[in-house]
Amino acid sequence: MKTPRQSRSSLIALASALIATLFLVACQQSQPPATVPSAAESKAAATAKDVFVVFEGPWTIVPDPKDANSVLLLAPKTKAHRDLYVTASNNSTLAAGTYDLSVPGRTGSSAGAFDESILRVKIDPKNVQRVLDDKSSNRYAIRLPKPDAYLPASRHRSRVSATYPPEPATEKEYATGVSLRYSVSSLTGFSLAGTPDKAAFNPFLLQVETPTIRFVIDPAHEPDPADKCYTHSRQTFHEAATLLALNLYVDFPESPSTCHDTDPQKARATKAERPVGGFERLVALLKSDLGDANEASIAPLGADRFAAPALRAWRIAARRVTATLYLFGHPSGLCLSPIIAADGS
């Protein structure tokens, strides 16, 4: 038989348990419901792909003065470089002018964050507009949507400054090629439209079977392995800076100090011509348009009248092979000069 004290203890314990249960229920009801992703969001996340648009050559990244959601990449067209070409699974050579790359099915944030290896400088918007308005066929302009991020496609250690020679304190691994990353839902629908300065251009549908699109400006000449001054890269950086009226110089820590005496970034009264390499001589020969008489004159003595047509057919085939080597086999990414980007791009 329970005493009155035991009965009261049991009632108190029961009441305490009831109060605790009610408190827990109230806490759970006050919690916000967990967010469950919609079917559409889950599907988009599962199918999202990264596409990289890579630029190699003397490029500068600047804001688009007419569209806050776009960015421009500008490069000079000079004798020191070959013509610009764009390549994915297919390719096309581009004349000087202004082009627009469409990026369909964007799923990224368009934050446009810059990797710290990309050189950032102040660029006057008036100089950007001046370059865009110039129709003298001395520049390329590619307009794209702002990417999710700007990443280095290649790097090289150098020094950059507004004084010459650049101070050692500015030395770092600068991006010498840049990759714009886009998150997309599909690899189909990428196309390039544009307005060349002196020609017509039909919209070009890019076949993006691998997630990379490249805009490449190769050097006009083969690099000289003995050139420790990296003369071509110095000239390239100078041309990119001059295009947008930038007072900048590049130097390479591994180059001997005597390179400063012949640096193309400095004003010189005369300029030595570089000897033409074997690849350039081959291209010049195959591009030349010899007449029948010239073709016959280089045929072996005693050859019959079919020798010249046969030689002409061989030259046509060789030209096609040379074009293939130019687009696919000729080495690219040989410029060691830093990519330039405007602050606030």
C-alpha atoms as a PDB file:
ATOM      1  CA  MET A   1       0.000   0.000   0.000  1.00  0.00           C
ATOM      2  CA  LYS A   2       1.411   3.401  -1.060  1.00  0.00           C
ATOM      3  CA  THR A   3       1.827   6.094   1.514  1.00  0.00           C
ATOM      4  CA  PRO A   4       0.554   9.660   0.806  1.00  0.00           C
ATOM      5  CA  ARG A   5       4.177  10.783   0.323  1.00  0.00           C
ATOM      6  CA  GLN A   6       4.801   8.119  -2.385  1.00  0.00           C
ATOM      7  CA  SER A   7       1.591   9.100  -4.175  1.00  0.00           C
ATOM      8  CA  ARG A   8       2.620  12.715  -4.272  1.00  0.00           C
ATOM      9  CA  SER A   9       6.103  11.795  -5.662  1.00  0.00           C
ATOM     10  CA  SER A  10       4.507   9.737  -8.434  1.00  0.00           C
ATOM     11  CA  LEU A  11       2.221  12.615  -9.398  1.00  0.00           C
ATOM     12  CA  ILE A  12       5.128  15.044  -9.457  1.00  0.00           C
ATOM     13  CA  ALA A  13       7.196  12.705 -11.699  1.00  0.00           C
ATOM     14  CA  LEU A  14       4.273  12.213 -14.055  1.00  0.00           C
ATOM     15  CA  ALA A  15       3.646  15.958 -14.269  1.00  0.00           C
ATOM     16  CA  SER A  16       7.337  16.618 -14.971  1.00  0.00           C
ATOM     17  CA  ALA A  17       7.375  14.077 -17.795  1.00  0.00           C
ATOM     18  CA  LEU A  18       4.250  15.618 -19.295  1.00  0.00           C
ATOM     19  CA  ILE A  19       5.725  19.135 -19.179  1.00  0.00           C
ATOM     20  CA  ALA A  20       8.989  17.951 -20.787  1.00  0.00           C
ATOM     21  CA  THR A  21       7.063  16.240 -23.595  1.00  0.00           C
ATOM     22  CA  LEU A  22       5.006  19.367 -24.284  1.00  0.00           C
ATOM     23  CA  PHE A  23       8.193  21.489 -24.346  1.00  0.00           C
ATOM     24  CA  LEU A  24       9.881  19.240 -26.901  1.00  0.00           C
ATOM     25  CA  VAL A  25       6.804  19.287 -29.144  1.00  0.00           C
ATOM     26  CA  ALA A  26       6.680  23.089 -29.001  1.00  0.00           C
ATOM     27  CA  CYS A  27      10.385  23.366 -29.930  1.00  0.00           C
ATOM     28  CA  GLN A  28       9.985  21.083 -32.937  1.00  0.00           C
ATOM     29  CA  GLN A  29       6.992  23.052 -34.192  1.00  0.00           C
ATOM     30  CA  SER A  30       8.929  26.332 -33.924  1.00  0.00           C
ATOM     31  CA  GLN A  31      11.769  25.004 -36.158  1.00  0.00           C
ATOM     32  CA  PRO A  32      11.525  26.060 -39.862  1.00  0.00           C
ATOM     33  CA  PRO A  33      10.856  23.130 -42.212  1.00  0.00           C
ATOM     34  CA  ALA A  34      13.893  21.732 -44.031  1.00  0.00           C
ATOM     35  CA  THR A  35      14.263  23.030 -47.596  1.00  0.00           C
ATOM     36  CA  VAL A  36      13.773  20.282 -50.137  1.00  0.00           C
ATOM     37  CA  PRO A  37      15.208  21.051 -53.594  1.00  0.00           C
ATOM     38  CA  SER A  38      12.681  21.039 -56.363  1.00  0.00           C
ATOM     39  CA  ALA A  39      12.811  18.427 -59.082  1.00  0.00           C
ATOM     40  CA  ALA A  40      13.926  21.092 -61.586  1.00  0.00           C
ATOM     41  CA  GLU A  41      16.770  22.263 -59.323  1.00  0.00           C
ATOM     42  CA  SER A  42      17.937  18.715 -58.725  1.00  0.00           C
ATOM     43  CA  LYS A  43      17.913  17.966 -62.453  1.00  0.00           C
ATOM     44  CA  ALA A  44      19.838  21.177 -63.251  1.00  0.00           C
ATOM     45  CA  ALA A  45      22.485  20.384 -60.645  1.00  0.00           C
ATOM     46  CA  ALA A  46      22.873  16.860 -61.981  1.00  0.00           C
ATOM     47  CA  THR A  47      23.303  17.986 -65.615  1.00  0.00           C
ATOM     48  CA  ALA A  48      25.485  21.088 -65.049  1.00  0.00           C
ATOM     49  CA  LYS A  49      28.779  21.069 -66.962  1.00  0.00           C
ATOM     50  CA  ASP A  50      31.826  23.320 -66.893  1.00  0.00           C
ATOM     51  CA  VAL A  51      33.018  24.794 -70.183  1.00  0.00           C
ATOM     52  CA  PHE A  52      36.364  26.601 -70.418  1.00  0.00           C
ATOM     53  CA  VAL A  53      36.957  29.351 -72.983  1.00  0.00           C
ATOM     54  CA  VAL A  54      40.736  29.698 -73.230  1.00  0.00           C
ATOM     55  CA  PHE A  55      42.622  32.692 -74.656  1.00  0.00           C
ATOM     56  CA  GLU A  56      46.280  32.354 -75.667  1.00  0.00           C
ATOM     57  CA  GLY A  57      48.265  35.293 -76.990  1.00  0.00           C
ATOM     58  CA  PRO A  58      48.499  39.050 -76.281  1.00  0.00           C
ATOM     59  CA  TRP A  59      45.034  39.424 -74.732  1.00  0.00           C
ATOM     60  CA  THR A  60      43.650  42.085 -72.399  1.00  0.00           C
ATOM     61  CA  ILE A  61      40.418  41.648 -70.411  1.00  0.00           C
ATOM     62  CA  VAL A  62      38.255  44.784 -70.105  1.00  0.00           C
ATOM     63  CA  PRO A  63      34.643  45.609 -69.171  1.00  0.00           C
ATOM     64  CA  ASP A  64      32.205  46.038 -72.034  1.00  0.00           C
ATOM     65  CA  PRO A  65      31.349  49.771 -72.090  1.00  0.00           C
ATOM     66  CA  LYS A  66      27.890  49.030 -73.506  1.00  0.00           C
ATOM     67  CA  ASP A  67      26.850  45.958 -71.500  1.00  0.00           C
ATOM     68  CA  ALA A  68      27.531  45.478 -67.791  1.00  0.00           C
ATOM     69  CA  ASN A  69      26.841  41.744 -68.128  1.00  0.00           C
ATOM     70  CA  SER A  70      29.515  41.215 -70.791  1.00  0.00           C
ATOM     71  CA  VAL A  71      33.283  41.289 -70.936  1.00  0.00           C
ATOM     72  CA  LEU A  72      35.654  41.988 -73.823  1.00  0.00           C
ATOM     73  CA  LEU A  73      38.987  40.431 -74.698  1.00  0.00           C
ATOM     74  CA  LEU A  74      41.128  42.653 -76.909  1.00  0.00           C
ATOM     75  CA  ALA A  75      44.336  41.812 -78.768  1.00  0.00           C
ATOM     76  CA  PRO A  76      46.446  43.618 -81.360  1.00  0.00           C
ATOM     77  CA  LYS A  77      46.849  42.208 -84.861  1.00  0.00           C
ATOM     78  CA  THR A  78      50.541  42.515 -85.719  1.00  0.00           C
ATOM     79  CA  LYS A  79      53.166  41.056 -88.020  1.00  0.00           C
ATOM     80  CA  ALA A  80      54.733  39.280 -85.051  1.00  0.00           C
ATOM     81  CA  HIS A  81      51.755  36.903 -84.830  1.00  0.00           C
ATOM     82  CA  ARG A  82      49.670  34.687 -87.064  1.00  0.00           C
ATOM     83  CA  ASP A  83      45.959  35.288 -87.608  1.00  0.00           C
ATOM     84  CA  LEU A  84      43.598  34.528 -84.756  1.00  0.00           C
ATOM     85  CA  TYR A  85      41.792  31.202 -84.902  1.00  0.00           C
ATOM     86  CA  VAL A  86      39.039  29.702 -82.774  1.00  0.00           C
ATOM     87  CA  THR A  87      38.939  25.974 -82.216  1.00  0.00           C
ATOM     88  CA  ALA A  88      36.720  23.450 -80.448  1.00  0.00           C
ATOM     89  CA  SER A  89      35.997  20.164 -82.208  1.00  0.00           C
ATOM     90  CA  ASN A  90      35.939  22.315 -85.353  1.00  0.00           C
ATOM     91  CA  ASN A  91      37.863  25.503 -86.108  1.00  0.00           C
ATOM     92  CA  SER A  92      37.891  28.744 -88.074  1.00  0.00           C
ATOM     93  CA  THR A  93      40.421  31.481 -88.788  1.00  0.00           C
ATOM     94  CA  LEU A  94      39.202  34.985 -87.896  1.00  0.00           C
ATOM     95  CA  ALA A  95      40.043  38.292 -89.550  1.00  0.00           C
ATOM     96  CA  ALA A  96      40.489  41.465 -87.532  1.00  0.00           C
ATOM     97  CA  GLY A  97      37.128  42.661 -86.223  1.00  0.00           C
ATOM     98  CA  THR A  98      34.602  42.341 -83.408  1.00  0.00           C
ATOM     99  CA  TYR A  99      32.977  38.997 -82.534  1.00  0.00           C
ATOM    100  CA  ASP A 100      30.363  37.746 -80.075  1.00  0.00           C
ATOM    101  CA  LEU A 101      30.488  34.295 -78.483  1.00  0.00           C
ATOM    102  CA  SER A 102      27.107  33.023 -77.297  1.00  0.00           C
ATOM    103  CA  VAL A 103      27.105  30.777 -74.212  1.00  0.00           C
ATOM    104  CA  PRO A 104      23.719  28.982 -73.982  1.00  0.00           C
ATOM    105  CA  GLY A 105      22.172  27.376 -70.919  1.00  0.00           C
ATOM    106  CA  ARG A 106      24.056  29.298 -68.241  1.00  0.00           C
ATOM    107  CA  THR A 107      23.625  27.829 -64.747  1.00  0.00           C
ATOM    108  CA  GLY A 108      26.521  29.562 -62.947  1.00  0.00           C
ATOM    109  CA  SER A 109      26.628  32.717 -60.865  1.00  0.00           C
ATOM    110  CA  SER A 110      28.500  34.996 -63.343  1.00  0.00           C
ATOM    111  CA  ALA A 111      30.534  36.223 -60.374  1.00  0.00           C
ATOM    112  CA  GLY A 112      33.639  36.678 -62.517  1.00  0.00           C
ATOM    113  CA  ALA A 113      36.177  36.108 -59.726  1.00  0.00           C
ATOM    114  CA  PHE A 114      39.808  36.654 -60.805  1.00  0.00           C
ATOM    115  CA  ASP A 115      42.645  34.322 -59.893  1.00  0.00           C
ATOM    116  CA  GLU A 116      45.407  36.247 -58.133  1.00  0.00           C
ATOM    117  CA  SER A 117      47.934  35.275 -60.813  1.00  0.00           C
ATOM    118  CA  ILE A 118      46.187  37.473 -63.420  1.00  0.00           C
ATOM    119  CA  LEU A 119      47.774  40.912 -63.769  1.00  0.00           C
ATOM    120  CA  ARG A 120      45.265  43.649 -62.822  1.00  0.00           C
ATOM    121  CA  VAL A 121      45.822  47.281 -63.853  1.00  0.00           C
ATOM    122  CA  LYS A 122      43.800  50.448 -64.333  1.00  0.00           C
ATOM    123  CA  ILE A 123      42.600  50.930 -67.918  1.00  0.00           C
ATOM    124  CA  ASP A 124      40.872  54.082 -69.121  1.00  0.00           C
ATOM    125  CA  PRO A 125      37.419  53.218 -70.572  1.00  0.00           C
ATOM    126  CA  LYS A 126      38.018  55.862 -73.249  1.00  0.00           C
ATOM    127  CA  ASN A 127      40.910  53.803 -74.587  1.00  0.00           C
ATOM    128  CA  VAL A 128      38.694  50.717 -74.669  1.00  0.00           C
ATOM    129  CA  GLN A 129      36.115  52.591 -76.745  1.00  0.00           C
ATOM    130  CA  ARG A 130      38.856  53.941 -79.009  1.00  0.00           C
ATOM    131  CA  VAL A 131      40.048  50.403 -79.748  1.00  0.00           C
ATOM    132  CA  LEU A 132      36.496  49.228 -80.444  1.00  0.00           C
ATOM    133  CA  ASP A 133      35.854  52.132 -82.821  1.00  0.00           C
ATOM    134  CA  ASP A 134      39.077  51.523 -84.741  1.00  0.00           C
ATOM    135  CA  LYS A 135      38.274  49.867 -88.091  1.00  0.00           C
ATOM    136  CA  SER A 136      41.811  49.831 -89.449  1.00  0.00           C
ATOM    137  CA  SER A 137      42.120  46.056 -89.031  1.00  0.00           C
ATOM    138  CA  ASN A 138      44.752  46.215 -86.313  1.00  0.00           C
ATOM    139  CA  ARG A 139      42.867  44.532 -83.461  1.00  0.00           C
ATOM    140  CA  TYR A 140      40.617  41.654 -82.435  1.00  0.00           C
ATOM    141  CA  ALA A 141      37.713  42.046 -80.009  1.00  0.00           C
ATOM    142  CA  ILE A 142      35.813  39.079 -78.557  1.00  0.00           C
ATOM    143  CA  ARG A 143      32.666  39.778 -76.521  1.00  0.00           C
ATOM    144  CA  LEU A 144      31.435  37.129 -74.052  1.00  0.00           C
ATOM    145  CA  PRO A 145      29.082  36.952 -71.075  1.00  0.00           C
ATOM    146  CA  LYS A 146      30.790  37.476 -67.725  1.00  0.00           C
ATOM    147  CA  PRO A 147      32.106  34.069 -66.618  1.00  0.00           C
ATOM    148  CA  ASP A 148      31.855  32.279 -63.307  1.00  0.00           C
ATOM    149  CA  ALA A 149      35.620  32.697 -62.863  1.00  0.00           C
ATOM    150  CA  TYR A 150      38.838  33.757 -64.592  1.00  0.00           C
ATOM    151  CA  LEU A 151      41.509  31.070 -64.194  1.00  0.00           C
ATOM    152  CA  PRO A 152      45.115  30.756 -65.372  1.00  0.00           C
ATOM    153  CA  ALA A 153      45.539  28.464 -68.382  1.00  0.00           C
ATOM    154  CA  SER A 154      49.338  28.785 -68.123  1.00  0.00           C
ATOM    155  CA  ARG A 155      51.822  30.673 -65.961  1.00  0.00           C
ATOM    156  CA  HIS A 156      55.358  32.015 -66.135  1.00  0.00           C
ATOM    157  CA  ARG A 157      57.468  33.940 -63.618  1.00  0.00           C
ATOM    158  CA  SER A 158      58.121  37.530 -64.656  1.00  0.00           C
ATOM    159  CA  ARG A 159      58.239  41.105 -63.399  1.00  0.00           C
ATOM    160  CA  VAL A 160      55.843  43.872 -64.440  1.00  0.00           C
ATOM    161  CA  SER A 161      56.053  47.562 -63.638  1.00  0.00           C
ATOM    162  CA  ALA A 162      55.448  51.050 -65.002  1.00  0.00           C
ATOM    163  CA  THR A 163      59.204  51.682 -64.723  1.00  0.00           C
ATOM    164  CA  TYR A 164      61.996  50.059 -66.738  1.00  0.00           C
ATOM    165  CA  PRO A 165      63.417  47.661 -65.865  1.00  0.00           C
ATOM    166  CA  PRO A 166      60.594  46.411 -63.634  1.00  0.00           C
ATOM    167  CA  GLU A 167      61.396  46.141 -59.935  1.00  0.00           C
ATOM    168  CA  PRO A 168      62.247  42.692 -58.506  1.00  0.00           C
ATOM    169  CA  ALA A 169      59.512  43.222 -55.915  1.00  0.00           C
ATOM    170  CA  THR A 170      56.883  42.745 -58.662  1.00  0.00           C
ATOM    171  CA  GLU A 171      58.129  39.260 -59.521  1.00  0.00           C
ATOM    172  CA  LYS A 172      55.551  36.466 -59.391  1.00  0.00           C
ATOM    173  CA  GLU A 173      53.986  33.657 -61.407  1.00  0.00           C
ATOM    174  CA  TYR A 174      51.718  35.608 -63.768  1.00  0.00           C
ATOM    175  CA  ALA A 175      49.038  34.003 -65.922  1.00  0.00           C
ATOM    176  CA  THR A 176      50.224  33.884 -69.535  1.00  0.00           C
ATOM    177  CA  GLY A 177      46.976  32.344 -70.768  1.00  0.00           C
ATOM    178  CA  VAL A 178      43.507  32.777 -69.307  1.00  0.00           C
ATOM    179  CA  SER A 179      40.550  30.387 -69.062  1.00  0.00           C
ATOM    180  CA  LEU A 180      37.011  31.691 -68.573  1.00  0.00           C
ATOM    181  CA  ARG A 181      34.879  29.087 -66.792  1.00  0.00           C
ATOM    182  CA  TYR A 182      31.148  28.786 -67.462  1.00  0.00           C
ATOM    183  CA  SER A 183      28.664  26.387 -65.880  1.00  0.00           C
ATOM    184  CA  VAL A 184      26.143  25.315 -68.513  1.00  0.00           C
ATOM    185  CA  SER A 185      23.390  22.768 -68.861  1.00  0.00           C
ATOM    186  CA  SER A 186      24.411  21.614 -72.353  1.00  0.00           C
ATOM    187  CA  LEU A 187      27.409  21.614 -74.686  1.00  0.00           C
ATOM    188  CA  THR A 188      25.273  22.426 -77.731  1.00  0.00           C
ATOM    189  CA  GLY A 189      24.359  25.863 -79.042  1.00  0.00           C
ATOM    190  CA  PHE A 190      27.711  27.658 -78.781  1.00  0.00           C
ATOM    191  CA  SER A 191      28.119  29.980 -81.742  1.00  0.00           C
ATOM    192  CA  LEU A 192      30.299  32.849 -82.887  1.00  0.00           C
ATOM    193  CA  ALA A 193      28.932  35.846 -84.765  1.00  0.00           C
ATOM    194  CA  GLY A 194      30.716  39.019 -85.663  1.00  0.00           C
ATOM    195  CA  THR A 195      31.680  41.866 -87.907  1.00  0.00           C
ATOM    196  CA  PRO A 196      35.144  41.740 -89.473  1.00  0.00           C
ATOM    197  CA  ASP A 197      36.596  45.139 -90.318  1.00  0.00           C
ATOM    198  CA  LYS A 198      36.929  44.437 -94.048  1.00  0.00           C
ATOM    199  CA  ALA A 199      34.915  41.330 -94.860  1.00  0.00           C
ATOM    200  CA  ALA A 200      31.690  39.447 -94.211  1.00  0.00           C
ATOM    201  CA  PHE A 201      31.371  36.703 -91.616  1.00  0.00           C
ATOM    202  CA  ASN A 202      28.748  33.987 -91.429  1.00  0.00           C
ATOM    203  CA  PRO A 203      27.781  32.854 -87.910  1.00  0.00           C
ATOM    204  CA  PHE A 204      29.948  29.896 -86.935  1.00  0.00           C
ATOM    205  CA  LEU A 205      28.430  27.044 -84.891  1.00  0.00           C
ATOM    206  CA  LEU A 206      31.050  25.566 -82.578  1.00  0.00           C
ATOM    207  CA  GLN A 207      31.012  21.820 -81.966  1.00  0.00           C
ATOM    208  CA  VAL A 208      31.919  21.581 -78.283  1.00  0.00           C
ATOM    209  CA  GLU A 209      32.372  17.839 -77.837  1.00  0.00           C
ATOM    210  CA  THR A 210      35.052  18.392 -75.211  1.00  0.00           C
ATOM    211  CA  PRO A 211      34.461  21.242 -72.746  1.00  0.00           C
ATOM    212  CA  THR A 212      37.077  23.622 -74.185  1.00  0.00           C
ATOM    213  CA  ILE A 213      36.934  26.469 -76.714  1.00  0.00           C
ATOM    214  CA  ARG A 214      40.258  28.123 -77.575  1.00  0.00           C
ATOM    215  CA  PHE A 215      41.001  31.530 -79.110  1.00  0.00           C
ATOM    216  CA  VAL A 216      44.664  31.375 -80.138  1.00  0.00           C
ATOM    217  CA  ILE A 217      47.095  33.899 -81.625  1.00  0.00           C
ATOM    218  CA  ASP A 218      50.325  32.045 -82.362  1.00  0.00           C
ATOM    219  CA  PRO A 219      53.735  33.638 -82.929  1.00  0.00           C
ATOM    220  CA  ALA A 220      54.576  34.229 -86.584  1.00  0.00           C
ATOM    221  CA  HIS A 221      57.993  32.622 -86.149  1.00  0.00           C
ATOM    222  CA  GLU A 222      59.336  29.627 -84.358  1.00  0.00           C
ATOM    223  CA  PRO A 223      60.921  30.520 -81.007  1.00  0.00           C
ATOM    224  CA  ASP A 224      64.698  30.530 -80.879  1.00  0.00           C
ATOM    225  CA  PRO A 225      65.772  28.117 -78.106  1.00  0.00           C
ATOM    226  CA  ALA A 226      68.993  30.113 -77.711  1.00  0.00           C
ATOM    227  CA  ASP A 227      67.121  33.355 -77.032  1.00  0.00           C
ATOM    228  CA  LYS A 228      67.340  33.723 -73.256  1.00  0.00           C
ATOM    229  CA  CYS A 229      65.933  37.246 -73.518  1.00  0.00           C
ATOM    230  CA  TYR A 230      62.510  35.982 -74.640  1.00  0.00           C
ATOM    231  CA  THR A 231      62.460  38.765 -77.200  1.00  0.00           C
ATOM    232  CA  HIS A 232      59.155  37.702 -78.718  1.00  0.00           C
ATOM    233  CA  SER A 233      57.401  37.750 -75.343  1.00  0.00           C
ATOM    234  CA  ARG A 234      58.755  41.216 -74.583  1.00  0.00           C
ATOM    235  CA  GLN A 235      57.545  42.473 -77.952  1.00  0.00           C
ATOM    236  CA  THR A 236      54.155  40.815 -77.432  1.00  0.00           C
ATOM    237  CA  PHE A 237      53.616  42.461 -74.050  1.00  0.00           C
ATOM    238  CA  HIS A 238      54.676  45.820 -75.471  1.00  0.00           C
ATOM    239  CA  GLU A 239      52.130  45.532 -78.306  1.00  0.00           C
ATOM    240  CA  ALA A 240      49.316  44.556 -75.925  1.00  0.00           C
ATOM    241  CA  ALA A 241      50.133  47.463 -73.597  1.00  0.00           C
ATOM    242  CA  THR A 242      50.441  49.933 -76.478  1.00  0.00           C
ATOM    243  CA  LEU A 243      47.008  48.959 -77.827  1.00  0.00           C
ATOM    244  CA  LEU A 244      45.366  50.395 -74.709  1.00  0.00           C
ATOM    245  CA  ALA A 245      47.946  53.144 -74.021  1.00  0.00           C
ATOM    246  CA  LEU A 246      49.355  51.408 -70.926  1.00  0.00           C
ATOM    247  CA  ASN A 247      52.759  52.390 -69.588  1.00  0.00           C
ATOM    248  CA  LEU A 248      53.897  48.903 -68.595  1.00  0.00           C
ATOM    249  CA  TYR A 249      57.021  46.797 -69.070  1.00  0.00           C
ATOM    250  CA  VAL A 250      57.811  43.124 -68.541  1.00  0.00           C
ATOM    251  CA  ASP A 251      61.104  41.486 -67.612  1.00  0.00           C
ATOM    252  CA  PHE A 252      62.140  37.906 -66.912  1.00  0.00           C
ATOM    253  CA  PRO A 253      64.331  37.066 -63.904  1.00  0.00           C
ATOM    254  CA  GLU A 254      66.164  34.280 -65.735  1.00  0.00           C
ATOM    255  CA  SER A 255      67.238  36.611 -68.561  1.00  0.00           C
ATOM    256  CA  PRO A 256      70.720  38.142 -68.399  1.00  0.00           C
ATOM    257  CA  SER A 257      70.906  41.880 -67.745  1.00  0.00           C
ATOM    258  CA  THR A 258      72.374  42.425 -71.224  1.00  0.00           C
ATOM    259  CA  CYS A 259      68.878  41.743 -72.616  1.00  0.00           C
ATOM    260  CA  HIS A 260      67.924  45.266 -71.532  1.00  0.00           C
ATOM    261  CA  ASP A 261      70.214  46.687 -74.223  1.00  0.00           C
ATOM    262  CA  THR A 262      68.184  45.142 -77.049  1.00  0.00           C
ATOM    263  CA  ASP A 263      64.746  45.048 -75.441  1.00  0.00           C
ATOM    264  CA  PRO A 264      62.042  45.866 -78.047  1.00  0.00           C
ATOM    265  CA  GLN A 265      60.060  47.595 -75.300  1.00  0.00           C
ATOM    266  CA  LYS A 266      62.619  50.401 -75.390  1.00  0.00           C
ATOM    267  CA  ALA A 267      62.718  52.892 -78.256  1.00  0.00           C
ATOM    268  CA  ARG A 268      65.440  51.982 -80.745  1.00  0.00           C
ATOM    269  CA  ALA A 269      66.678  53.671 -83.890  1.00  0.00           C
ATOM    270  CA  THR A 270      67.025  50.412 -85.794  1.00  0.00           C
ATOM    271  CA  LYS A 271      65.490  47.001 -85.496  1.00  0.00           C
ATOM    272  CA  ALA A 272      67.242  43.831 -86.547  1.00  0.00           C
ATOM    273  CA  GLU A 273      65.249  41.389 -88.616  1.00  0.00           C
ATOM    274  CA  ARG A 274      65.034  37.858 -87.267  1.00  0.00           C
ATOM    275  CA  PRO A 275      66.176  35.098 -89.643  1.00  0.00           C
ATOM    276  CA  VAL A 276      63.307  33.139 -91.089  1.00  0.00           C
ATOM    277  CA  GLY A 277      63.070  29.611 -89.665  1.00  0.00           C
ATOM    278  CA  GLY A 278      62.624  26.365 -91.548  1.00  0.00           C
ATOM    279  CA  PHE A 279      58.872  26.163 -90.929  1.00  0.00           C
ATOM    280  CA  GLU A 280      58.344  29.681 -92.289  1.00  0.00           C
ATOM    281  CA  ARG A 281      60.414  28.922 -95.396  1.00  0.00           C
ATOM    282  CA  LEU A 282      58.288  25.833 -96.041  1.00  0.00           C
ATOM    283  CA  VAL A 283      55.061  27.822 -95.644  1.00  0.00           C
ATOM    284  CA  ALA A 284      56.363  30.571 -97.961  1.00  0.00           C
ATOM    285  CA  LEU A 285      57.321  28.016-100.598  1.00  0.00           C
ATOM    286  CA  LEU A 286      53.974  26.252-100.503  1.00  0.00           C
ATOM    287  CA  LYS A 287      52.044  29.530-100.505  1.00  0.00           C
ATOM    288  CA  SER A 288      53.933  30.909-103.487  1.00  0.00           C
ATOM    289  CA  ASP A 289      52.106  30.842-106.803  1.00  0.00           C
ATOM    290  CA  LEU A 290      54.573  29.743-109.421  1.00  0.00           C
ATOM    291  CA  GLY A 291      53.443  29.702-113.007  1.00  0.00           C
ATOM    292  CA  ASP A 292      53.630  26.674-115.278  1.00  0.00           C
ATOM    293  CA  ALA A 293      56.974  27.798-116.648  1.00  0.00           C
ATOM    294  CA  ASN A 294      58.506  28.051-113.180  1.00  0.00           C
ATOM    295  CA  GLU A 295      57.036  24.729-112.132  1.00  0.00           C
ATOM    296  CA  ALA A 296      58.367  23.102-115.299  1.00  0.00           C
ATOM    297  CA  SER A 297      61.770  24.717-114.768  1.00  0.00           C
ATOM    298  CA  ILE A 298      62.253  22.959-111.454  1.00  0.00           C
ATOM    299  CA  ALA A 299      61.176  19.570-112.824  1.00  0.00           C
ATOM    300  CA  PRO A 300      63.993  17.112-113.517  1.00  0.00           C
ATOM    301  CA  LEU A 301      65.647  17.422-116.877  1.00  0.00           C
ATOM    302  CA  GLY A 302      64.072  15.161-119.468  1.00  0.00           C
ATOM    303  CA  ALA A 303      60.716  15.059-117.674  1.00  0.00           C
ATOM    304  CA  ASP A 304      57.741  14.913-120.017  1.00  0.00           C
ATOM    305  CA  ARG A 305      54.880  17.408-120.270  1.00  0.00           C
ATOM    306  CA  PHE A 306      53.024  15.704-117.399  1.00  0.00           C
ATOM    307  CA  ALA A 307      55.701  16.674-114.867  1.00  0.00           C
ATOM    308  CA  ALA A 308      54.423  20.204-114.272  1.00  0.00           C
ATOM    309  CA  PRO A 309      50.765  19.188-113.614  1.00  0.00           C
ATOM    310  CA  ALA A 310      51.956  16.443-111.290  1.00  0.00           C
ATOM    311  CA  LEU A 311      54.127  18.890-109.400  1.00  0.00           C
ATOM    312  CA  ARG A 312      51.214  21.341-109.186  1.00  0.00           C
ATOM    313  CA  ALA A 313      48.986  18.610-107.708  1.00  0.00           C
ATOM    314  CA  TRP A 314      51.677  17.767-105.176  1.00  0.00           C
ATOM    315  CA  ARG A 315      51.926  21.415-104.156  1.00  0.00           C
ATOM    316  CA  ILE A 316      48.168  21.668-103.639  1.00  0.00           C
ATOM    317  CA  ALA A 317      48.203  18.583-101.406  1.00  0.00           C
ATOM    318  CA  ALA A 318      51.197  19.931 -99.516  1.00  0.00           C
ATOM    319  CA  ARG A 319      49.417  23.220 -98.920  1.00  0.00           C
ATOM    320  CA  ARG A 320      46.515  21.363 -97.350  1.00  0.00           C
ATOM    321  CA  VAL A 321      48.895  19.466 -95.082  1.00  0.00           C
ATOM    322  CA  THR A 322      50.551  22.744 -94.132  1.00  0.00           C
ATOM    323  CA  ALA A 323      47.178  24.240 -93.195  1.00  0.00           C
ATOM    324  CA  THR A 324      46.500  21.248 -90.978  1.00  0.00           C
ATOM    325  CA  LEU A 325      49.881  21.649 -89.304  1.00  0.00           C
ATOM    326  CA  TYR A 326      49.153  25.323 -88.788  1.00  0.00           C
ATOM    327  CA  LEU A 327      45.815  24.757 -87.072  1.00  0.00           C
ATOM    328  CA  PHE A 328      46.580  21.574 -85.146  1.00  0.00           C
ATOM    329  CA  GLY A 329      50.262  20.726 -85.176  1.00  0.00           C
ATOM    330  CA  HIS A 330      52.089  24.044 -84.945  1.00  0.00           C
ATOM    331  CA  PRO A 331      53.074  24.732 -81.332  1.00  0.00           C
ATOM    332  CA  SER A 332      50.970  27.288 -79.492  1.00  0.00           C
ATOM    333  CA  GLY A 333      51.156  28.975 -76.110  1.00  0.00           C
ATOM    334  CA  LEU A 334      54.723  30.143 -76.825  1.00  0.00           C
ATOM    335  CA  CYS A 335      54.224  33.686 -75.512  1.00  0.00           C
ATOM    336  CA  LEU A 336      55.421  34.113 -71.939  1.00  0.00           C
ATOM    337  CA  SER A 337      54.026  37.622 -71.525  1.00  0.00           C
ATOM    338  CA  PRO A 338      51.342  38.098 -68.845  1.00  0.00           C
ATOM    339  CA  ILE A 339      47.682  38.430 -69.677  1.00  0.00           C
ATOM    340  CA  ILE A 340      46.418  41.911 -68.678  1.00  0.00           C
ATOM    341  CA  ALA A 341      43.053  42.574 -67.002  1.00  0.00           C
ATOM    342  CA  ALA A 342      41.392  45.834 -66.087  1.00  0.00           C
ATOM    343  CA  ASP A 343      40.545  46.508 -62.477  1.00  0.00           C
ATOM    344  CA  GLY A 344      36.780  46.198 -62.154  1.00  0.00           C
ATOM    345  CA  SER A 345      36.433  43.886 -65.170  1.00  0.00           C
END
